[in-house]
């Protein structure tokens, strides 16, 4: 399970269980390179309008032409683009989470969302699926 939720104007929560964490790590390591994976996505993450949570596909894209991580929607698929420096940090933090059994600190990475002038902060939480 992987969920993206907007909690306020500049905060996005990425909530995942152990299976979701493994799925993201595999996608980052290229084992599932450019293959979409299923997430639960609050559309307000991209459009800031109160909406419902939908089942969507997501793809990680490595792009060293960008300066900062970006989230966007392309033909119904959520694309998370980041450069090599961000990739190293993302992999490190997810691997630490897997090793420790929790994500700390919760503050994770800044991300640009189209039509936003600034950046949003992504916060992460590893949850026990049985508690949901």
N, C-alpha and C. Protein backbone atom coordinates (compact mmCIF):
# COMPACT_ATOMS: atom_id res chain seq x y z
N UNK A 1 0.84 -1.17 0.00
CA UNK A 1 0.00 0.00 0.00
C UNK A 1 0.89 1.24 0.00
N UNK A 2 0.58 2.17 -0.89
CA UNK A 2 1.26 3.45 -0.98
C UNK A 2 0.18 4.51 -1.16
N UNK A 3 0.19 5.55 -0.32
CA UNK A 3 -0.79 6.63 -0.44
C UNK A 3 -0.08 7.98 -0.44
N UNK A 4 -0.54 8.86 -1.33
CA UNK A 4 -0.11 10.25 -1.35
C UNK A 4 -1.31 11.09 -0.95
N UNK A 5 -1.16 11.92 0.10
CA UNK A 5 -2.24 12.77 0.59
C UNK A 5 -1.74 14.19 0.81
N UNK A 6 -2.54 15.16 0.46
CA UNK A 6 -2.20 16.55 0.79
C UNK A 6 -2.80 16.86 2.15
N UNK A 7 -1.98 17.41 3.05
CA UNK A 7 -2.47 17.75 4.39
C UNK A 7 -2.65 19.25 4.58
N UNK A 8 -1.92 20.06 3.84
CA UNK A 8 -2.15 21.50 3.82
C UNK A 8 -1.51 22.09 2.57
N UNK A 9 -1.48 23.38 2.49
CA UNK A 9 -1.02 24.08 1.27
C UNK A 9 0.36 23.64 0.78
N UNK A 10 1.26 23.31 1.70
CA UNK A 10 2.63 23.00 1.30
C UNK A 10 3.13 21.65 1.82
N UNK A 11 2.21 20.78 2.27
CA UNK A 11 2.62 19.50 2.84
C UNK A 11 1.91 18.33 2.16
N UNK A 12 2.71 17.35 1.80
CA UNK A 12 2.20 16.12 1.19
C UNK A 12 2.69 14.96 2.06
N UNK A 13 1.79 14.04 2.37
CA UNK A 13 2.18 12.86 3.13
C UNK A 13 2.24 11.65 2.21
N UNK A 14 3.34 10.93 2.31
CA UNK A 14 3.54 9.67 1.61
C UNK A 14 3.49 8.59 2.68
N UNK A 15 2.43 7.82 2.68
CA UNK A 15 2.22 6.78 3.69
C UNK A 15 2.31 5.43 2.99
N UNK A 16 3.07 4.52 3.58
CA UNK A 16 3.27 3.22 2.93
C UNK A 16 3.47 2.14 3.99
N UNK A 17 3.16 0.91 3.58
CA UNK A 17 3.44 -0.24 4.44
C UNK A 17 4.73 -0.91 3.92
N UNK A 18 5.11 -2.03 4.52
CA UNK A 18 6.35 -2.70 4.13
C UNK A 18 6.32 -3.15 2.68
N UNK A 19 5.18 -3.63 2.21
CA UNK A 19 5.08 -4.04 0.80
C UNK A 19 5.25 -2.84 -0.13
N UNK A 20 4.65 -1.70 0.23
CA UNK A 20 4.80 -0.49 -0.57
C UNK A 20 6.25 -0.01 -0.58
N UNK A 21 6.90 -0.10 0.57
CA UNK A 21 8.31 0.29 0.67
C UNK A 21 9.16 -0.58 -0.25
N UNK A 22 8.94 -1.89 -0.21
CA UNK A 22 9.70 -2.79 -1.09
C UNK A 22 9.43 -2.48 -2.57
N UNK A 23 8.20 -2.20 -2.88
CA UNK A 23 7.83 -1.88 -4.26
C UNK A 23 8.57 -0.62 -4.74
N UNK A 24 8.62 0.42 -3.89
CA UNK A 24 9.31 1.65 -4.26
C UNK A 24 10.81 1.43 -4.36
N UNK A 25 11.39 0.66 -3.44
CA UNK A 25 12.83 0.37 -3.50
C UNK A 25 13.18 -0.38 -4.78
N UNK A 26 12.36 -1.35 -5.16
CA UNK A 26 12.60 -2.08 -6.40
C UNK A 26 12.53 -1.15 -7.60
N UNK A 27 11.57 -0.26 -7.61
CA UNK A 27 11.43 0.69 -8.73
C UNK A 27 12.64 1.63 -8.78
N UNK A 28 13.14 2.04 -7.63
CA UNK A 28 14.29 2.94 -7.59
C UNK A 28 15.58 2.26 -8.04
N UNK A 29 15.70 0.99 -7.72
CA UNK A 29 16.91 0.25 -8.06
C UNK A 29 16.93 -0.20 -9.51
N UNK A 30 15.85 0.05 -10.23
CA UNK A 30 15.82 -0.32 -11.63
C UNK A 30 15.32 -1.72 -11.89
N UNK A 31 15.01 -2.47 -10.81
CA UNK A 31 14.49 -3.82 -11.01
C UNK A 31 13.15 -3.77 -11.72
N UNK A 32 12.44 -2.71 -11.52
CA UNK A 32 11.15 -2.50 -12.19
C UNK A 32 11.22 -1.19 -12.97
N UNK A 33 12.36 -0.91 -13.58
CA UNK A 33 12.62 0.37 -14.22
C UNK A 33 11.52 0.75 -15.20
N UNK A 34 11.04 1.97 -15.03
CA UNK A 34 10.01 2.57 -15.88
C UNK A 34 8.73 1.75 -15.93
N UNK A 35 8.51 0.91 -14.94
CA UNK A 35 7.27 0.15 -14.86
C UNK A 35 6.38 0.81 -13.82
N UNK A 36 5.17 1.13 -14.19
CA UNK A 36 4.27 1.77 -13.23
C UNK A 36 3.87 0.83 -12.11
N UNK A 37 3.65 1.41 -10.93
CA UNK A 37 3.15 0.64 -9.80
C UNK A 37 1.94 1.37 -9.24
N UNK A 38 1.10 0.62 -8.55
CA UNK A 38 -0.19 1.13 -8.08
C UNK A 38 -0.04 1.93 -6.78
N UNK A 39 -0.71 3.09 -6.71
CA UNK A 39 -0.75 3.90 -5.50
C UNK A 39 -2.18 4.39 -5.29
N UNK A 40 -2.45 4.86 -4.09
CA UNK A 40 -3.69 5.58 -3.80
C UNK A 40 -3.29 7.05 -3.77
N UNK A 41 -3.98 7.87 -4.56
CA UNK A 41 -3.52 9.24 -4.79
C UNK A 41 -4.65 10.24 -4.58
N UNK A 42 -4.39 11.20 -3.72
CA UNK A 42 -5.30 12.32 -3.48
C UNK A 42 -5.01 13.37 -4.54
N UNK A 43 -5.96 13.60 -5.45
CA UNK A 43 -5.72 14.55 -6.55
C UNK A 43 -5.40 15.95 -6.07
N UNK A 44 -5.76 16.28 -4.84
CA UNK A 44 -5.45 17.61 -4.33
C UNK A 44 -3.93 17.81 -4.18
N UNK A 45 -3.15 16.73 -4.22
CA UNK A 45 -1.70 16.86 -4.20
C UNK A 45 -1.26 17.72 -5.38
N UNK A 46 -1.91 17.54 -6.53
CA UNK A 46 -1.53 18.29 -7.73
C UNK A 46 -2.36 19.54 -7.97
N UNK A 47 -3.65 19.51 -7.61
CA UNK A 47 -4.49 20.66 -7.97
C UNK A 47 -4.98 21.49 -6.79
N UNK A 48 -4.62 21.12 -5.58
CA UNK A 48 -4.99 21.87 -4.37
C UNK A 48 -6.50 22.00 -4.16
N UNK A 49 -7.28 21.20 -4.84
CA UNK A 49 -8.74 21.22 -4.67
C UNK A 49 -9.15 19.97 -3.93
N UNK A 50 -10.05 20.13 -2.98
CA UNK A 50 -10.52 18.99 -2.19
C UNK A 50 -11.18 17.98 -3.14
N UNK A 51 -10.61 16.80 -3.19
CA UNK A 51 -11.13 15.76 -4.07
C UNK A 51 -11.06 14.42 -3.35
N UNK A 52 -11.39 13.39 -4.06
CA UNK A 52 -11.34 12.06 -3.47
C UNK A 52 -10.00 11.39 -3.78
N UNK A 53 -9.75 10.31 -3.06
CA UNK A 53 -8.56 9.51 -3.30
C UNK A 53 -8.87 8.49 -4.38
N UNK A 54 -7.95 8.37 -5.34
CA UNK A 54 -8.14 7.47 -6.48
C UNK A 54 -6.99 6.48 -6.56
N UNK A 55 -7.27 5.36 -7.16
CA UNK A 55 -6.22 4.40 -7.47
C UNK A 55 -5.56 4.86 -8.77
N UNK A 56 -4.25 5.06 -8.74
CA UNK A 56 -3.50 5.53 -9.91
C UNK A 56 -2.23 4.72 -10.07
N UNK A 57 -1.59 4.90 -11.20
CA UNK A 57 -0.27 4.32 -11.46
C UNK A 57 0.77 5.42 -11.23
N UNK A 58 1.96 5.02 -10.79
CA UNK A 58 3.07 5.96 -10.62
C UNK A 58 4.32 5.38 -11.25
N UNK A 59 5.15 6.28 -11.78
CA UNK A 59 6.45 5.90 -12.35
C UNK A 59 7.50 6.85 -11.79
N UNK A 60 8.65 6.29 -11.39
CA UNK A 60 9.82 7.09 -11.02
C UNK A 60 10.62 7.35 -12.29
N UNK A 61 11.06 8.59 -12.49
CA UNK A 61 11.86 8.94 -13.67
C UNK A 61 13.11 9.68 -13.22
N UNK A 62 14.27 9.15 -13.57
CA UNK A 62 15.54 9.81 -13.29
C UNK A 62 15.80 10.81 -14.41
N UNK A 63 16.01 12.08 -14.02
CA UNK A 63 16.20 13.15 -15.00
C UNK A 63 17.20 14.16 -14.45
N UNK A 64 18.44 14.09 -14.89
CA UNK A 64 19.46 15.01 -14.39
C UNK A 64 19.38 16.40 -15.01
N UNK A 65 18.37 16.64 -15.83
CA UNK A 65 18.15 17.97 -16.41
C UNK A 65 17.36 18.87 -15.46
N UNK A 66 16.81 18.31 -14.39
CA UNK A 66 16.02 19.12 -13.45
C UNK A 66 16.84 19.38 -12.20
N UNK A 67 16.49 20.48 -11.52
CA UNK A 67 17.20 20.86 -10.31
C UNK A 67 16.54 20.30 -9.05
N UNK A 68 15.23 20.12 -9.12
CA UNK A 68 14.47 19.71 -7.95
C UNK A 68 13.45 18.65 -8.33
N UNK A 69 13.15 17.79 -7.40
CA UNK A 69 12.14 16.76 -7.58
C UNK A 69 10.81 17.36 -8.04
N UNK A 70 10.09 16.66 -8.91
CA UNK A 70 8.81 17.14 -9.43
C UNK A 70 7.78 16.03 -9.43
N UNK A 71 6.54 16.39 -9.15
CA UNK A 71 5.40 15.48 -9.28
C UNK A 71 4.47 16.05 -10.34
N UNK A 72 4.02 15.22 -11.26
CA UNK A 72 3.07 15.68 -12.27
C UNK A 72 2.21 14.51 -12.73
N UNK A 73 1.16 14.83 -13.45
CA UNK A 73 0.25 13.84 -14.00
C UNK A 73 0.45 13.84 -15.52
N UNK A 74 0.71 12.67 -16.07
CA UNK A 74 0.83 12.53 -17.51
C UNK A 74 -0.10 11.42 -17.95
N UNK A 75 -1.17 11.81 -18.61
CA UNK A 75 -2.17 10.87 -19.14
C UNK A 75 -2.65 9.89 -18.07
N UNK A 76 -2.90 10.40 -16.87
CA UNK A 76 -3.45 9.59 -15.80
C UNK A 76 -2.44 8.87 -14.94
N UNK A 77 -1.17 8.93 -15.30
CA UNK A 77 -0.11 8.31 -14.50
C UNK A 77 0.64 9.41 -13.77
N UNK A 78 0.90 9.18 -12.49
CA UNK A 78 1.67 10.13 -11.70
C UNK A 78 3.15 9.87 -11.96
N UNK A 79 3.86 10.93 -12.35
CA UNK A 79 5.29 10.85 -12.64
C UNK A 79 6.03 11.59 -11.53
N UNK A 80 6.97 10.92 -10.89
CA UNK A 80 7.84 11.55 -9.90
C UNK A 80 9.22 11.61 -10.51
N UNK A 81 9.63 12.80 -10.94
CA UNK A 81 10.93 13.01 -11.57
C UNK A 81 11.91 13.54 -10.53
N UNK A 82 13.14 13.06 -10.59
CA UNK A 82 14.18 13.53 -9.68
C UNK A 82 15.54 13.33 -10.34
N UNK A 83 16.53 14.06 -9.82
CA UNK A 83 17.88 13.94 -10.37
C UNK A 83 18.68 12.92 -9.57
N UNK A 84 19.91 12.67 -9.96
CA UNK A 84 20.75 11.64 -9.33
C UNK A 84 21.01 11.94 -7.86
N UNK A 85 21.18 13.20 -7.53
CA UNK A 85 21.41 13.58 -6.13
C UNK A 85 20.19 13.23 -5.28
N UNK A 86 19.00 13.57 -5.77
CA UNK A 86 17.77 13.22 -5.06
C UNK A 86 17.59 11.70 -4.99
N UNK A 87 17.93 11.00 -6.06
CA UNK A 87 17.82 9.55 -6.07
C UNK A 87 18.65 8.93 -4.96
N UNK A 88 19.87 9.41 -4.79
CA UNK A 88 20.73 8.88 -3.72
C UNK A 88 20.10 9.08 -2.35
N UNK A 89 19.55 10.26 -2.11
CA UNK A 89 18.91 10.56 -0.83
C UNK A 89 17.65 9.71 -0.63
N UNK A 90 16.84 9.59 -1.67
CA UNK A 90 15.60 8.80 -1.59
C UNK A 90 15.93 7.34 -1.27
N UNK A 91 16.86 6.76 -2.01
CA UNK A 91 17.25 5.37 -1.77
C UNK A 91 17.79 5.19 -0.35
N UNK A 92 18.65 6.11 0.07
CA UNK A 92 19.23 6.01 1.41
C UNK A 92 18.14 6.04 2.48
N UNK A 93 17.23 7.00 2.39
CA UNK A 93 16.18 7.14 3.41
C UNK A 93 15.23 5.95 3.41
N UNK A 94 14.85 5.44 2.24
CA UNK A 94 13.98 4.27 2.17
C UNK A 94 14.70 3.02 2.73
N UNK A 95 15.98 2.86 2.42
CA UNK A 95 16.74 1.72 2.95
C UNK A 95 16.88 1.81 4.47
N UNK A 96 17.10 3.01 5.00
CA UNK A 96 17.16 3.19 6.45
C UNK A 96 15.82 2.85 7.09
N UNK A 97 14.74 3.25 6.44
CA UNK A 97 13.41 2.94 6.94
C UNK A 97 13.20 1.42 6.99
N UNK A 98 13.62 0.75 5.96
CA UNK A 98 13.46 -0.70 5.91
C UNK A 98 14.27 -1.36 7.03
N UNK A 99 15.48 -0.87 7.23
CA UNK A 99 16.36 -1.43 8.25
C UNK A 99 15.84 -1.15 9.67
N UNK A 100 15.40 0.11 9.92
CA UNK A 100 14.99 0.53 11.25
C UNK A 100 13.54 0.19 11.59
N UNK A 101 12.71 0.02 10.56
CA UNK A 101 11.30 -0.28 10.80
C UNK A 101 10.44 0.96 11.02
N UNK A 102 11.01 2.14 10.76
CA UNK A 102 10.26 3.39 10.85
C UNK A 102 10.98 4.45 10.02
N UNK A 103 10.27 5.49 9.66
CA UNK A 103 10.82 6.57 8.85
C UNK A 103 11.07 7.77 9.75
N UNK A 104 12.33 8.15 9.92
CA UNK A 104 12.64 9.26 10.82
C UNK A 104 13.86 10.00 10.30
N UNK A 105 13.84 11.33 10.31
CA UNK A 105 12.67 12.17 10.61
C UNK A 105 11.64 12.07 9.49
N UNK A 106 10.41 12.42 9.81
CA UNK A 106 9.31 12.30 8.84
C UNK A 106 9.50 13.22 7.64
N UNK A 107 10.12 14.38 7.86
CA UNK A 107 10.37 15.31 6.77
C UNK A 107 11.32 14.65 5.78
N UNK A 108 10.91 14.62 4.51
CA UNK A 108 11.62 13.80 3.54
C UNK A 108 12.31 14.60 2.44
N UNK A 109 11.54 15.21 1.55
CA UNK A 109 12.12 15.85 0.38
C UNK A 109 11.19 16.95 -0.13
N UNK A 110 11.80 17.99 -0.68
CA UNK A 110 11.01 19.05 -1.32
C UNK A 110 10.69 18.63 -2.74
N UNK A 111 9.50 19.01 -3.17
CA UNK A 111 9.07 18.63 -4.51
C UNK A 111 8.30 19.80 -5.13
N UNK A 112 8.49 19.98 -6.41
CA UNK A 112 7.75 21.01 -7.14
C UNK A 112 6.53 20.35 -7.78
N UNK A 113 5.40 21.03 -7.66
CA UNK A 113 4.16 20.57 -8.28
C UNK A 113 3.78 21.60 -9.34
N UNK A 114 3.46 21.18 -10.57
CA UNK A 114 3.09 22.14 -11.61
C UNK A 114 2.01 23.11 -11.12
N UNK A 115 2.08 24.32 -11.58
CA UNK A 115 1.15 25.40 -11.24
C UNK A 115 1.35 25.93 -9.83
N UNK A 116 2.35 25.42 -9.10
CA UNK A 116 2.73 25.96 -7.80
C UNK A 116 3.92 26.88 -8.00
N UNK A 117 3.98 27.94 -7.23
CA UNK A 117 5.11 28.85 -7.34
C UNK A 117 6.29 28.41 -6.47
N UNK A 118 6.00 27.72 -5.39
CA UNK A 118 7.05 27.29 -4.48
C UNK A 118 7.22 25.78 -4.53
N UNK A 119 7.61 25.26 -3.40
CA UNK A 119 7.83 23.83 -3.26
C UNK A 119 6.98 23.29 -2.13
N UNK A 120 6.61 22.04 -2.27
CA UNK A 120 5.90 21.33 -1.21
C UNK A 120 6.89 20.41 -0.53
N UNK A 121 6.63 20.12 0.73
CA UNK A 121 7.47 19.19 1.47
C UNK A 121 6.75 17.86 1.58
N UNK A 122 7.45 16.79 1.24
CA UNK A 122 6.89 15.45 1.41
C UNK A 122 7.34 14.91 2.76
N UNK A 123 6.39 14.40 3.51
CA UNK A 123 6.63 13.74 4.79
C UNK A 123 6.27 12.27 4.61
N UNK A 124 7.04 11.38 5.23
CA UNK A 124 6.80 9.94 5.06
C UNK A 124 6.46 9.26 6.37
N UNK A 125 5.67 8.19 6.24
CA UNK A 125 5.34 7.38 7.40
C UNK A 125 5.19 5.93 6.96
N UNK A 126 5.90 5.05 7.66
CA UNK A 126 5.74 3.61 7.48
C UNK A 126 4.68 3.15 8.45
N UNK A 127 3.65 2.47 7.94
CA UNK A 127 2.56 2.01 8.79
C UNK A 127 2.42 0.50 8.69
N UNK A 128 1.80 -0.07 9.70
CA UNK A 128 1.47 -1.48 9.71
C UNK A 128 0.13 -1.63 9.00
N UNK A 129 0.09 -2.34 7.91
CA UNK A 129 -1.12 -2.47 7.10
C UNK A 129 -2.29 -2.99 7.92
N UNK A 130 -2.02 -3.82 8.89
CA UNK A 130 -3.12 -4.39 9.70
C UNK A 130 -3.79 -3.34 10.57
N UNK A 131 -3.13 -2.19 10.78
CA UNK A 131 -3.73 -1.15 11.62
C UNK A 131 -4.62 -0.19 10.82
N UNK A 132 -4.66 -0.35 9.50
CA UNK A 132 -5.45 0.56 8.67
C UNK A 132 -6.87 0.08 8.54
